[in-house]
């Protein structure tokens, strides 16, 4: 009878240890995925700012350099951009993503779609703003030269 009792206690101890390790791995994987998303979004930000590449091309490059779950997210959103806008494609890809992220994490990542919506507008107007400043400055100097003559 004692052997059965100790056997059951040993089984309960081993199973609780294994469940604890499994849960802790989920949290460590979640942390790694969040860090990878952060790095991928930093890459996205710099590529948009300096190279002016289209969003699908940038997503393709990011999918080649990141972890499997995160690369699937960017790859799926790139594929969905063929049929819809970037913000809708991003939200759908986040919804369909299978990962260790919690619902709150996914909701926070989905809010980035609003940034994608506005990013194209800001990106296309930036050179125009620079050109307008340049022409205003050039026009002001030419007006000053005419007044001096």
C-alpha atoms as a PDB file:
ATOM      1  CA  UNK A   1       0.000   0.000   0.000  1.00  0.00           C
ATOM      2  CA  UNK A   2       2.859   2.392   0.831  1.00  0.00           C
ATOM      3  CA  UNK A   3       4.476   1.653  -2.553  1.00  0.00           C
ATOM      4  CA  UNK A   4       1.331   2.717  -4.387  1.00  0.00           C
ATOM      5  CA  UNK A   5       1.066   5.886  -2.283  1.00  0.00           C
ATOM      6  CA  UNK A   6       4.701   6.882  -2.931  1.00  0.00           C
ATOM      7  CA  UNK A   7       4.338   5.958  -6.590  1.00  0.00           C
ATOM      8  CA  UNK A   8       1.329   8.281  -6.947  1.00  0.00           C
ATOM      9  CA  UNK A   9       3.162  11.107  -5.121  1.00  0.00           C
ATOM     10  CA  UNK A  10       6.173  10.654  -7.390  1.00  0.00           C
ATOM     11  CA  UNK A  11       3.898  10.708 -10.464  1.00  0.00           C
ATOM     12  CA  UNK A  12       2.161  13.894  -9.239  1.00  0.00           C
ATOM     13  CA  UNK A  13       5.534  15.529  -8.522  1.00  0.00           C
ATOM     14  CA  UNK A  14       6.948  14.660 -11.959  1.00  0.00           C
ATOM     15  CA  UNK A  15       3.795  15.760 -13.792  1.00  0.00           C
ATOM     16  CA  UNK A  16       3.665  19.112 -11.952  1.00  0.00           C
ATOM     17  CA  UNK A  17       7.347  19.738 -12.754  1.00  0.00           C
ATOM     18  CA  UNK A  18       6.761  18.996 -16.447  1.00  0.00           C
ATOM     19  CA  UNK A  19       3.677  21.228 -16.580  1.00  0.00           C
ATOM     20  CA  UNK A  20       5.652  24.048 -14.917  1.00  0.00           C
ATOM     21  CA  UNK A  21       8.476  23.730 -17.435  1.00  0.00           C
ATOM     22  CA  UNK A  22       5.972  23.731 -20.291  1.00  0.00           C
ATOM     23  CA  UNK A  23       4.298  26.914 -19.014  1.00  0.00           C
ATOM     24  CA  UNK A  24       7.627  28.652 -18.442  1.00  0.00           C
ATOM     25  CA  UNK A  25       8.723  27.818 -22.007  1.00  0.00           C
ATOM     26  CA  UNK A  26       5.543  29.439 -23.326  1.00  0.00           C
ATOM     27  CA  UNK A  27       6.416  32.672 -21.530  1.00  0.00           C
ATOM     28  CA  UNK A  28      10.004  32.630 -22.762  1.00  0.00           C
ATOM     29  CA  UNK A  29       8.827  31.985 -26.335  1.00  0.00           C
ATOM     30  CA  UNK A  30       6.314  34.821 -25.972  1.00  0.00           C
ATOM     31  CA  UNK A  31       9.075  37.174 -24.855  1.00  0.00           C
ATOM     32  CA  UNK A  32      11.289  36.146 -27.776  1.00  0.00           C
ATOM     33  CA  UNK A  33       8.455  36.673 -30.247  1.00  0.00           C
ATOM     34  CA  UNK A  34       7.677  40.113 -28.850  1.00  0.00           C
ATOM     35  CA  UNK A  35      11.340  41.091 -29.108  1.00  0.00           C
ATOM     36  CA  UNK A  36      11.452  39.822 -32.697  1.00  0.00           C
ATOM     37  CA  UNK A  37       8.342  41.822 -33.586  1.00  0.00           C
ATOM     38  CA  UNK A  38       9.928  44.895 -32.029  1.00  0.00           C
ATOM     39  CA  UNK A  39      13.113  44.384 -34.062  1.00  0.00           C
ATOM     40  CA  UNK A  40      11.129  43.734 -37.244  1.00  0.00           C
ATOM     41  CA  UNK A  41       9.126  46.909 -36.763  1.00  0.00           C
ATOM     42  CA  UNK A  42      12.332  48.886 -36.202  1.00  0.00           C
ATOM     43  CA  UNK A  43      13.636  47.477 -39.483  1.00  0.00           C
ATOM     44  CA  UNK A  44      10.359  48.446 -41.132  1.00  0.00           C
ATOM     45  CA  UNK A  45      10.588  51.971 -39.745  1.00  0.00           C
ATOM     46  CA  UNK A  46      14.140  52.543 -40.977  1.00  0.00           C
ATOM     47  CA  UNK A  47      13.472  51.040 -44.403  1.00  0.00           C
ATOM     48  CA  UNK A  48      10.399  53.235 -44.879  1.00  0.00           C
ATOM     49  CA  UNK A  49      12.288  56.289 -43.697  1.00  0.00           C
ATOM     50  CA  UNK A  50      15.432  55.885 -45.774  1.00  0.00           C
ATOM     51  CA  UNK A  51      14.747  53.647 -48.766  1.00  0.00           C
ATOM     52  CA  UNK A  52      11.129  54.476 -49.689  1.00  0.00           C
ATOM     53  CA  UNK A  53      10.556  50.861 -50.728  1.00  0.00           C
ATOM     54  CA  UNK A  54       6.935  49.708 -51.024  1.00  0.00           C
ATOM     55  CA  UNK A  55       5.486  48.024 -47.946  1.00  0.00           C
ATOM     56  CA  UNK A  56       5.153  44.538 -49.536  1.00  0.00           C
ATOM     57  CA  UNK A  57       8.847  44.520 -50.483  1.00  0.00           C
ATOM     58  CA  UNK A  58       9.854  45.504 -46.958  1.00  0.00           C
ATOM     59  CA  UNK A  59       7.593  42.827 -45.478  1.00  0.00           C
ATOM     60  CA  UNK A  60       9.189  40.272 -47.798  1.00  0.00           C
ATOM     61  CA  UNK A  61      12.688  41.225 -46.621  1.00  0.00           C
ATOM     62  CA  UNK A  62      11.611  41.090 -42.972  1.00  0.00           C
ATOM     63  CA  UNK A  63      10.027  37.652 -43.449  1.00  0.00           C
ATOM     64  CA  UNK A  64      13.340  36.336 -44.734  1.00  0.00           C
ATOM     65  CA  UNK A  65      15.320  37.576 -41.719  1.00  0.00           C
ATOM     66  CA  UNK A  66      13.084  36.794 -38.738  1.00  0.00           C
ATOM     67  CA  UNK A  67      11.840  33.835 -36.691  1.00  0.00           C
ATOM     68  CA  UNK A  68       9.382  31.318 -38.151  1.00  0.00           C
ATOM     69  CA  UNK A  69       6.195  32.624 -36.500  1.00  0.00           C
ATOM     70  CA  UNK A  70       7.063  36.253 -37.131  1.00  0.00           C
ATOM     71  CA  UNK A  71       8.167  35.571 -40.694  1.00  0.00           C
ATOM     72  CA  UNK A  72       4.813  33.854 -41.302  1.00  0.00           C
ATOM     73  CA  UNK A  73       3.051  36.970 -40.030  1.00  0.00           C
ATOM     74  CA  UNK A  74       4.898  39.263 -42.423  1.00  0.00           C
ATOM     75  CA  UNK A  75       4.655  36.798 -45.313  1.00  0.00           C
ATOM     76  CA  UNK A  76       0.906  36.353 -44.883  1.00  0.00           C
ATOM     77  CA  UNK A  77       0.301  40.078 -44.604  1.00  0.00           C
ATOM     78  CA  UNK A  78       2.351  40.620 -47.772  1.00  0.00           C
ATOM     79  CA  UNK A  79       0.241  38.038 -49.605  1.00  0.00           C
ATOM     80  CA  UNK A  80      -2.988  39.589 -48.345  1.00  0.00           C
ATOM     81  CA  UNK A  81      -1.878  43.033 -49.538  1.00  0.00           C
ATOM     82  CA  UNK A  82      -2.410  41.887 -53.115  1.00  0.00           C
ATOM     83  CA  UNK A  83      -6.172  41.879 -52.525  1.00  0.00           C
ATOM     84  CA  UNK A  84      -6.644  44.553 -49.866  1.00  0.00           C
ATOM     85  CA  UNK A  85      -5.019  47.514 -48.171  1.00  0.00           C
ATOM     86  CA  UNK A  86      -1.994  47.228 -45.892  1.00  0.00           C
ATOM     87  CA  UNK A  87      -3.919  47.925 -42.697  1.00  0.00           C
ATOM     88  CA  UNK A  88      -6.629  45.328 -43.388  1.00  0.00           C
ATOM     89  CA  UNK A  89      -4.052  42.758 -44.481  1.00  0.00           C
ATOM     90  CA  UNK A  90      -2.020  43.328 -41.308  1.00  0.00           C
ATOM     91  CA  UNK A  91      -5.061  42.900 -39.053  1.00  0.00           C
ATOM     92  CA  UNK A  92      -6.135  39.702 -40.816  1.00  0.00           C
ATOM     93  CA  UNK A  93      -2.639  38.243 -40.641  1.00  0.00           C
ATOM     94  CA  UNK A  94      -2.396  39.001 -36.917  1.00  0.00           C
ATOM     95  CA  UNK A  95      -5.779  37.349 -36.326  1.00  0.00           C
ATOM     96  CA  UNK A  96      -4.697  34.208 -38.175  1.00  0.00           C
ATOM     97  CA  UNK A  97      -1.235  34.068 -36.605  1.00  0.00           C
ATOM     98  CA  UNK A  98      -0.533  30.991 -34.494  1.00  0.00           C
ATOM     99  CA  UNK A  99       1.978  31.877 -31.814  1.00  0.00           C
ATOM    100  CA  UNK A 100       2.584  32.104 -28.087  1.00  0.00           C
ATOM    101  CA  UNK A 101       1.263  35.660 -27.910  1.00  0.00           C
ATOM    102  CA  UNK A 102      -1.697  36.500 -25.717  1.00  0.00           C
ATOM    103  CA  UNK A 103      -4.893  38.110 -26.940  1.00  0.00           C
ATOM    104  CA  UNK A 104      -3.786  41.461 -25.488  1.00  0.00           C
ATOM    105  CA  UNK A 105      -0.484  41.256 -27.361  1.00  0.00           C
ATOM    106  CA  UNK A 106      -2.265  40.578 -30.627  1.00  0.00           C
ATOM    107  CA  UNK A 107      -4.629  43.468 -29.995  1.00  0.00           C
ATOM    108  CA  UNK A 108      -1.683  45.813 -29.429  1.00  0.00           C
ATOM    109  CA  UNK A 109      -0.001  44.571 -32.604  1.00  0.00           C
ATOM    110  CA  UNK A 110      -3.229  45.068 -34.553  1.00  0.00           C
ATOM    111  CA  UNK A 111      -3.276  48.732 -33.552  1.00  0.00           C
ATOM    112  CA  UNK A 112      -0.174  49.193 -35.678  1.00  0.00           C
ATOM    113  CA  UNK A 113      -2.398  48.842 -38.739  1.00  0.00           C
ATOM    114  CA  UNK A 114      -3.538  52.427 -38.179  1.00  0.00           C
ATOM    115  CA  UNK A 115       0.092  53.472 -38.498  1.00  0.00           C
ATOM    116  CA  UNK A 116       0.359  51.567 -41.784  1.00  0.00           C
ATOM    117  CA  UNK A 117      -2.699  53.417 -43.043  1.00  0.00           C
ATOM    118  CA  UNK A 118      -1.131  56.803 -42.331  1.00  0.00           C
ATOM    119  CA  UNK A 119       2.417  55.804 -43.244  1.00  0.00           C
ATOM    120  CA  UNK A 120       1.855  55.936 -46.991  1.00  0.00           C
ATOM    121  CA  UNK A 121       0.412  59.432 -46.762  1.00  0.00           C
ATOM    122  CA  UNK A 122       3.309  60.717 -44.683  1.00  0.00           C
ATOM    123  CA  UNK A 123       5.865  58.936 -46.827  1.00  0.00           C
ATOM    124  CA  UNK A 124       4.583  60.352 -50.094  1.00  0.00           C
ATOM    125  CA  UNK A 125       4.270  63.902 -48.815  1.00  0.00           C
ATOM    126  CA  UNK A 126       7.706  64.155 -47.232  1.00  0.00           C
ATOM    127  CA  UNK A 127       9.625  64.807 -50.491  1.00  0.00           C
ATOM    128  CA  UNK A 128       6.964  67.318 -51.505  1.00  0.00           C
ATOM    129  CA  UNK A 129       7.416  69.211 -48.244  1.00  0.00           C
ATOM    130  CA  UNK A 130      11.166  69.281 -48.761  1.00  0.00           C
ATOM    131  CA  UNK A 131      10.714  70.504 -52.340  1.00  0.00           C
ATOM    132  CA  UNK A 132       8.287  73.207 -51.233  1.00  0.00           C
ATOM    133  CA  UNK A 133      10.760  74.455 -48.620  1.00  0.00           C
ATOM    134  CA  UNK A 134      13.540  74.467 -51.181  1.00  0.00           C
ATOM    135  CA  UNK A 135      11.480  76.409 -53.748  1.00  0.00           C
ATOM    136  CA  UNK A 136      10.236  78.857 -51.118  1.00  0.00           C
ATOM    137  CA  UNK A 137      13.791  79.521 -50.030  1.00  0.00           C
ATOM    138  CA  UNK A 138      14.990  79.887 -53.618  1.00  0.00           C
ATOM    139  CA  UNK A 139      12.070  82.188 -54.422  1.00  0.00           C
ATOM    140  CA  UNK A 140      12.781  84.373 -51.390  1.00  0.00           C
ATOM    141  CA  UNK A 141      16.446  84.751 -52.332  1.00  0.00           C
ATOM    142  CA  UNK A 142      15.550  85.660 -55.925  1.00  0.00           C
ATOM    143  CA  UNK A 143      13.080  88.297 -54.669  1.00  0.00           C
ATOM    144  CA  UNK A 144      15.789  89.768 -52.424  1.00  0.00           C
ATOM    145  CA  UNK A 145      18.222  89.942 -55.352  1.00  0.00           C
ATOM    146  CA  UNK A 146      15.689  91.785 -57.486  1.00  0.00           C
ATOM    147  CA  UNK A 147      15.077  94.311 -54.702  1.00  0.00           C
ATOM    148  CA  UNK A 148      18.818  94.896 -54.307  1.00  0.00           C
ATOM    149  CA  UNK A 149      19.239  95.770 -58.002  1.00  0.00           C
END
